[in-house]
Amino acid sequence: MIDISKIDYSILDRPEVVQFLFHPRPQPPPSPFQTTDSAGLISAEKDILIPVEDEVVIGARFYMAEKSGANLLFFHGNGEIVADYEELGPVYNQMGVNFLAVDYRGYGRSTGRPTVTAMMRDCHVIFEFVQNWLRHNKFEGPIILMGRSLGSASVLELAAAWGDSTDGLIVESGFAYAAPLLQLLGIDPEKLGFKEEKGFRNIDKIRIFNKPTLVIHAEIDHIIPFSDGEALYQASSSPDKAFLKIPGANHNDIFMRGLQEYLAAVKNIVEQVETNFT
């Protein structure tokens, strides 16, 4: 059992950092719907509110298609919300993958205000909620953690803490080191008193996880350098790891320039995880 009260990133919770690190965007609540495809599989889009603290909930949207399929728990990038993935969710469903996208505080339909400490604590509460929700609704497939950009911090935190309860890891456009990212945002790490060993420690966390791992990174990412993706891949201790470079893509057009390769790589790790799981 993880004591989340001991998770403390207060050095990064200062207003001058939070205003640059988080860009929350609200979303009006849509109506859930359910359809059945030509093969008779149920494809349901479910809007969920996950309680993470007194009077604070995190919005999520679960695209569920297959009771025995892999469950992809997805933490998106900064400036995004789960509604931005309304076209991608059904694509994963067509692959037989259940896609569970979650927001952060203040994003989408979530309440509260985002801070780094809250984000890193909330991911544990979210994970336990998802485990219980899947069990209650009889979705019996493996759980794969997936994080894009900012979301890489959440999934690497979970991979390190919940490795026995998860079956695979996908890091897309993830950061290995926080100090260069802070500098890009106009924050001086030295003036802040920030040191990598007191930060996210993504490199250390990915070393702990030894199950199938996929790292995806854009070749000319202008926000998180391609070298960060390489560093995460090299640090991974998984004997079943893969690295996908999306040629010519930057941080924000990675889907446009490499969607087919991206989906093929995700499909490969899903199949590998499902084989190991059974």
Protein backbone atom coordinates (compact mmCIF):
# COMPACT_ATOMS: atom_id res chain seq x y z
CA MET A 1 0.00 0.00 0.00
CA ILE A 2 1.44 3.36 -1.06
CA ASP A 3 1.35 6.18 1.49
CA ILE A 4 0.65 9.06 -0.89
CA SER A 5 0.86 11.60 1.93
CA LYS A 6 4.64 11.20 1.73
CA ILE A 7 4.72 12.23 -1.95
CA ASP A 8 5.98 15.81 -1.86
CA TYR A 9 6.94 17.98 -4.84
CA SER A 10 6.39 21.26 -3.04
CA ILE A 11 9.49 22.75 -4.63
CA LEU A 12 7.62 22.57 -7.96
CA ASP A 13 4.27 23.67 -6.54
CA ARG A 14 5.22 27.33 -6.38
CA PRO A 15 2.92 29.64 -8.36
CA GLU A 16 5.74 30.79 -10.64
CA VAL A 17 6.27 27.15 -11.69
CA VAL A 18 2.68 25.91 -11.77
CA GLN A 19 1.54 28.74 -14.07
CA PHE A 20 4.00 27.56 -16.72
CA LEU A 21 3.85 23.82 -16.08
CA PHE A 22 0.06 23.40 -16.27
CA HIS A 23 -2.39 24.77 -18.83
CA PRO A 24 -5.79 23.44 -17.75
CA ARG A 25 -8.71 23.63 -20.17
CA PRO A 26 -12.31 22.93 -19.14
CA GLN A 27 -14.78 20.77 -21.05
CA PRO A 28 -18.58 20.81 -20.99
CA PRO A 29 -19.90 17.39 -19.89
CA PRO A 30 -20.96 15.31 -22.91
CA SER A 31 -23.59 12.58 -22.87
CA PRO A 32 -22.35 8.97 -22.67
CA PHE A 33 -23.36 6.71 -25.52
CA GLN A 34 -23.09 3.07 -26.45
CA THR A 35 -22.98 1.34 -29.82
CA THR A 36 -22.53 -2.19 -31.13
CA ASP A 37 -20.23 -2.84 -34.08
CA SER A 38 -20.82 -5.28 -36.96
CA ALA A 39 -19.05 -8.08 -35.08
CA GLY A 40 -21.43 -7.70 -32.16
CA LEU A 41 -18.81 -6.30 -29.78
CA ILE A 42 -20.05 -3.70 -27.33
CA SER A 43 -18.26 -0.39 -27.80
CA ALA A 44 -19.15 1.90 -24.93
CA GLU A 45 -17.94 5.39 -24.17
CA LYS A 46 -18.33 6.07 -20.48
CA ASP A 47 -17.70 9.39 -18.77
CA ILE A 48 -16.41 8.80 -15.27
CA LEU A 49 -15.67 11.05 -12.31
CA ILE A 50 -12.94 9.65 -10.05
CA PRO A 51 -12.87 10.96 -6.47
CA VAL A 52 -9.28 11.68 -5.45
CA GLU A 53 -9.78 13.90 -2.42
CA ASP A 54 -12.64 15.48 -0.47
CA GLU A 55 -14.67 17.51 -2.99
CA VAL A 56 -12.13 16.88 -5.77
CA VAL A 57 -12.84 14.59 -8.74
CA ILE A 58 -10.86 13.71 -11.85
CA GLY A 59 -12.69 13.42 -15.15
CA ALA A 60 -12.09 10.34 -17.26
CA ARG A 61 -13.50 8.77 -20.38
CA PHE A 62 -13.39 5.00 -20.79
CA TYR A 63 -13.75 3.49 -24.28
CA MET A 64 -14.57 -0.14 -23.56
CA ALA A 65 -14.85 -2.79 -26.26
CA GLU A 66 -13.58 -6.18 -25.15
CA LYS A 67 -13.99 -7.88 -21.77
CA SER A 68 -10.78 -9.88 -22.18
CA GLY A 69 -8.84 -7.21 -24.06
CA ALA A 70 -5.91 -5.18 -22.80
CA ASN A 71 -6.75 -2.05 -20.82
CA LEU A 72 -4.71 1.01 -21.79
CA LEU A 73 -4.69 3.54 -18.92
CA PHE A 74 -3.71 6.82 -20.57
CA PHE A 75 -2.40 10.06 -19.06
CA HIS A 76 -2.33 12.81 -21.72
CA GLY A 77 -0.03 15.76 -22.29
CA ASN A 78 -0.24 19.30 -20.99
CA GLY A 79 -2.82 21.53 -22.63
CA GLU A 80 -4.83 18.45 -23.68
CA ILE A 81 -8.00 16.93 -22.24
CA VAL A 82 -9.54 13.50 -22.61
CA ALA A 83 -12.09 14.85 -25.11
CA ASP A 84 -9.22 15.47 -27.53
CA TYR A 85 -8.93 11.70 -27.90
CA GLU A 86 -12.53 11.04 -28.91
CA GLU A 87 -11.41 9.92 -32.38
CA LEU A 88 -8.51 7.80 -31.15
CA GLY A 89 -10.50 5.92 -28.51
CA PRO A 90 -12.67 4.05 -31.05
CA VAL A 91 -9.54 3.26 -33.09
CA TYR A 92 -8.09 1.45 -30.10
CA ASN A 93 -11.43 -0.30 -29.62
CA GLN A 94 -11.23 -1.59 -33.18
CA MET A 95 -7.86 -3.10 -32.20
CA GLY A 96 -9.58 -4.89 -29.32
CA VAL A 97 -8.01 -2.53 -26.78
CA ASN A 98 -9.94 -0.76 -24.02
CA PHE A 99 -8.79 2.86 -23.81
CA LEU A 100 -9.12 4.60 -20.45
CA ALA A 101 -8.12 8.27 -20.69
CA VAL A 102 -7.87 10.41 -17.56
CA ASP A 103 -7.42 14.13 -16.92
CA TYR A 104 -5.65 16.12 -14.20
CA ARG A 105 -7.12 18.54 -11.67
CA GLY A 106 -8.67 21.51 -13.42
CA TYR A 107 -8.62 19.81 -16.82
CA GLY A 108 -11.72 18.72 -18.70
CA ARG A 109 -14.48 17.95 -16.20
CA SER A 110 -12.08 17.67 -13.25
CA THR A 111 -12.37 19.96 -10.24
CA GLY A 112 -9.58 21.39 -8.14
CA ARG A 113 -6.37 23.11 -9.17
CA PRO A 114 -3.36 21.33 -10.61
CA THR A 115 -0.07 21.10 -8.74
CA VAL A 116 2.78 18.66 -9.19
CA THR A 117 2.23 17.07 -5.79
CA ALA A 118 -1.49 16.63 -6.49
CA MET A 119 -0.79 15.12 -9.92
CA MET A 120 1.69 12.62 -8.51
CA ARG A 121 -0.57 11.65 -5.62
CA ASP A 122 -3.71 11.49 -7.75
CA CYS A 123 -2.26 8.97 -10.19
CA HIS A 124 -2.11 6.38 -7.39
CA VAL A 125 -5.74 6.98 -6.43
CA ILE A 126 -6.73 6.84 -10.10
CA PHE A 127 -4.89 3.56 -10.60
CA GLU A 128 -6.60 1.91 -7.64
CA PHE A 129 -9.97 3.20 -8.83
CA VAL A 130 -9.36 1.81 -12.32
CA GLN A 131 -8.31 -1.57 -10.92
CA ASN A 132 -11.51 -1.78 -8.90
CA TRP A 133 -13.69 -0.49 -11.73
CA LEU A 134 -12.31 -3.06 -14.17
CA ARG A 135 -12.77 -5.86 -11.66
CA HIS A 136 -16.32 -4.78 -10.80
CA ASN A 137 -17.29 -4.57 -14.49
CA LYS A 138 -15.59 -7.90 -15.30
CA PHE A 139 -12.90 -6.58 -17.63
CA GLU A 140 -10.26 -9.21 -17.11
CA GLY A 141 -7.45 -8.24 -19.47
CA PRO A 142 -3.99 -6.90 -18.63
CA ILE A 143 -3.31 -3.27 -17.67
CA ILE A 144 -0.87 -1.23 -19.76
CA LEU A 145 0.22 2.20 -18.54
CA MET A 146 0.61 4.88 -21.21
CA GLY A 147 1.70 8.48 -20.76
CA ARG A 148 2.27 11.26 -23.27
CA SER A 149 4.58 14.19 -22.47
CA LEU A 150 3.55 15.45 -19.01
CA GLY A 151 1.72 12.15 -18.54
CA SER A 152 5.03 10.30 -18.61
CA ALA A 153 5.62 11.45 -15.02
CA SER A 154 2.40 9.80 -13.86
CA VAL A 155 2.92 6.48 -15.62
CA LEU A 156 6.56 6.15 -14.59
CA GLU A 157 5.51 6.85 -11.00
CA LEU A 158 2.94 4.05 -11.29
CA ALA A 159 5.28 1.68 -13.10
CA ALA A 160 7.80 1.98 -10.28
CA ALA A 161 5.23 1.64 -7.50
CA TRP A 162 2.72 -0.79 -9.01
CA GLY A 163 4.89 -2.98 -11.23
CA ASP A 164 3.39 -6.18 -9.85
CA SER A 165 -0.12 -4.99 -10.76
CA THR A 166 0.64 -3.76 -14.29
CA ASP A 167 1.64 -5.63 -17.39
CA GLY A 168 3.19 -3.12 -19.80
CA LEU A 169 4.39 0.45 -20.21
CA ILE A 170 4.26 2.96 -23.07
CA VAL A 171 6.04 6.31 -22.79
CA GLU A 172 5.35 8.75 -25.63
CA SER A 173 7.20 12.08 -25.86
CA GLY A 174 8.30 11.56 -22.27
CA PHE A 175 10.94 13.51 -20.43
CA ALA A 176 13.98 11.96 -18.78
CA TYR A 177 15.19 15.07 -17.00
CA ALA A 178 13.15 17.90 -15.51
CA ALA A 179 15.70 20.72 -15.30
CA PRO A 180 15.97 21.30 -19.11
CA LEU A 181 12.18 21.28 -19.34
CA LEU A 182 11.95 23.90 -16.60
CA GLN A 183 14.51 26.02 -18.45
CA LEU A 184 12.46 25.77 -21.63
CA LEU A 185 9.47 27.05 -19.69
CA GLY A 186 11.49 30.05 -18.55
CA ILE A 187 12.20 28.77 -15.03
CA ASP A 188 15.73 28.84 -13.59
CA PRO A 189 16.24 25.49 -11.77
CA GLU A 190 19.22 26.82 -9.80
CA LYS A 191 17.35 29.87 -8.56
CA LEU A 192 14.48 27.56 -7.64
CA GLY A 193 16.84 25.29 -5.71
CA PHE A 194 15.76 22.35 -7.87
CA LYS A 195 17.93 19.26 -8.28
CA GLU A 196 17.14 16.21 -10.40
CA GLU A 197 17.44 13.82 -7.46
CA LYS A 198 14.64 15.75 -5.72
CA GLY A 199 12.46 15.84 -8.83
CA PHE A 200 10.55 13.25 -10.85
CA ARG A 201 13.49 10.84 -11.24
CA ASN A 202 11.95 9.35 -14.38
CA ILE A 203 15.21 7.65 -15.32
CA ASP A 204 15.38 5.88 -11.95
CA LYS A 205 11.73 4.85 -12.13
CA ILE A 206 11.91 3.29 -15.59
CA ARG A 207 14.86 1.18 -14.42
CA ILE A 208 12.62 -0.50 -11.85
CA PHE A 209 10.01 -1.69 -14.36
CA ASN A 210 11.00 -4.94 -16.14
CA LYS A 211 7.90 -5.79 -18.15
CA PRO A 212 7.26 -5.03 -21.87
CA THR A 213 8.08 -1.38 -22.53
CA LEU A 214 7.66 0.85 -25.57
CA VAL A 215 9.20 4.31 -25.91
CA ILE A 216 7.95 6.58 -28.71
CA HIS A 217 9.51 9.94 -29.53
CA ALA A 218 9.38 12.49 -32.33
CA GLU A 219 12.66 13.00 -34.16
CA ILE A 220 12.62 16.80 -33.92
CA ASP A 221 10.61 17.27 -30.73
CA HIS A 222 10.98 20.98 -29.92
CA ILE A 223 9.76 20.68 -26.32
CA ILE A 224 11.22 17.43 -24.99
CA PRO A 225 14.40 16.54 -26.91
CA PHE A 226 14.68 13.27 -28.80
CA SER A 227 17.67 12.47 -26.57
CA ASP A 228 15.28 12.23 -23.59
CA GLY A 229 13.40 9.44 -25.32
CA GLU A 230 16.68 7.68 -26.06
CA ALA A 231 17.78 8.08 -22.44
CA LEU A 232 14.55 6.54 -21.14
CA TYR A 233 14.85 3.63 -23.54
CA GLN A 234 18.47 2.98 -22.62
CA ALA A 235 17.68 3.16 -18.90
CA SER A 236 14.83 0.66 -19.17
CA SER A 237 15.72 -2.71 -17.66
CA SER A 238 12.98 -4.54 -19.53
CA PRO A 239 14.20 -7.48 -21.62
CA ASP A 240 11.23 -6.79 -23.91
CA LYS A 241 11.64 -3.15 -24.84
CA ALA A 242 11.22 -1.29 -28.13
CA PHE A 243 11.92 2.22 -29.35
CA LEU A 244 9.99 4.01 -32.10
CA LYS A 245 11.29 7.20 -33.69
CA ILE A 246 8.74 9.20 -35.69
CA PRO A 247 10.86 10.79 -38.46
CA GLY A 248 10.33 14.47 -39.20
CA ALA A 249 7.79 14.91 -36.41
CA ASN A 250 7.80 17.43 -33.60
CA HIS A 251 6.10 17.33 -30.22
CA ASN A 252 2.70 18.40 -31.54
CA ASP A 253 2.40 16.71 -34.95
CA ILE A 254 3.56 13.23 -33.96
CA PHE A 255 0.14 11.71 -34.77
CA MET A 256 -0.14 13.46 -38.12
CA ARG A 257 3.30 12.36 -39.29
CA GLY A 258 3.46 8.86 -37.87
CA LEU A 259 0.03 7.62 -36.83
CA GLN A 260 0.22 4.27 -38.64
CA GLU A 261 3.67 3.45 -37.26
CA TYR A 262 2.54 4.64 -33.84
CA LEU A 263 -0.53 2.39 -33.81
CA ALA A 264 1.42 -0.57 -35.17
CA ALA A 265 3.95 -0.24 -32.34
CA VAL A 266 1.16 -0.03 -29.76
CA LYS A 267 -0.48 -3.09 -31.29
CA ASN A 268 2.80 -5.00 -31.06
CA ILE A 269 3.26 -4.35 -27.35
CA VAL A 270 -0.42 -5.11 -26.67
CA GLU A 271 -0.06 -8.47 -28.39
CA GLN A 272 3.14 -9.18 -26.47
CA VAL A 273 1.52 -8.28 -23.16
CA GLU A 274 -1.58 -10.35 -23.92
CA THR A 275 0.60 -13.36 -24.79
CA ASN A 276 2.49 -13.04 -21.51
CA PHE A 277 -0.77 -12.51 -19.62
CA THR A 278 -2.39 -15.69 -20.84
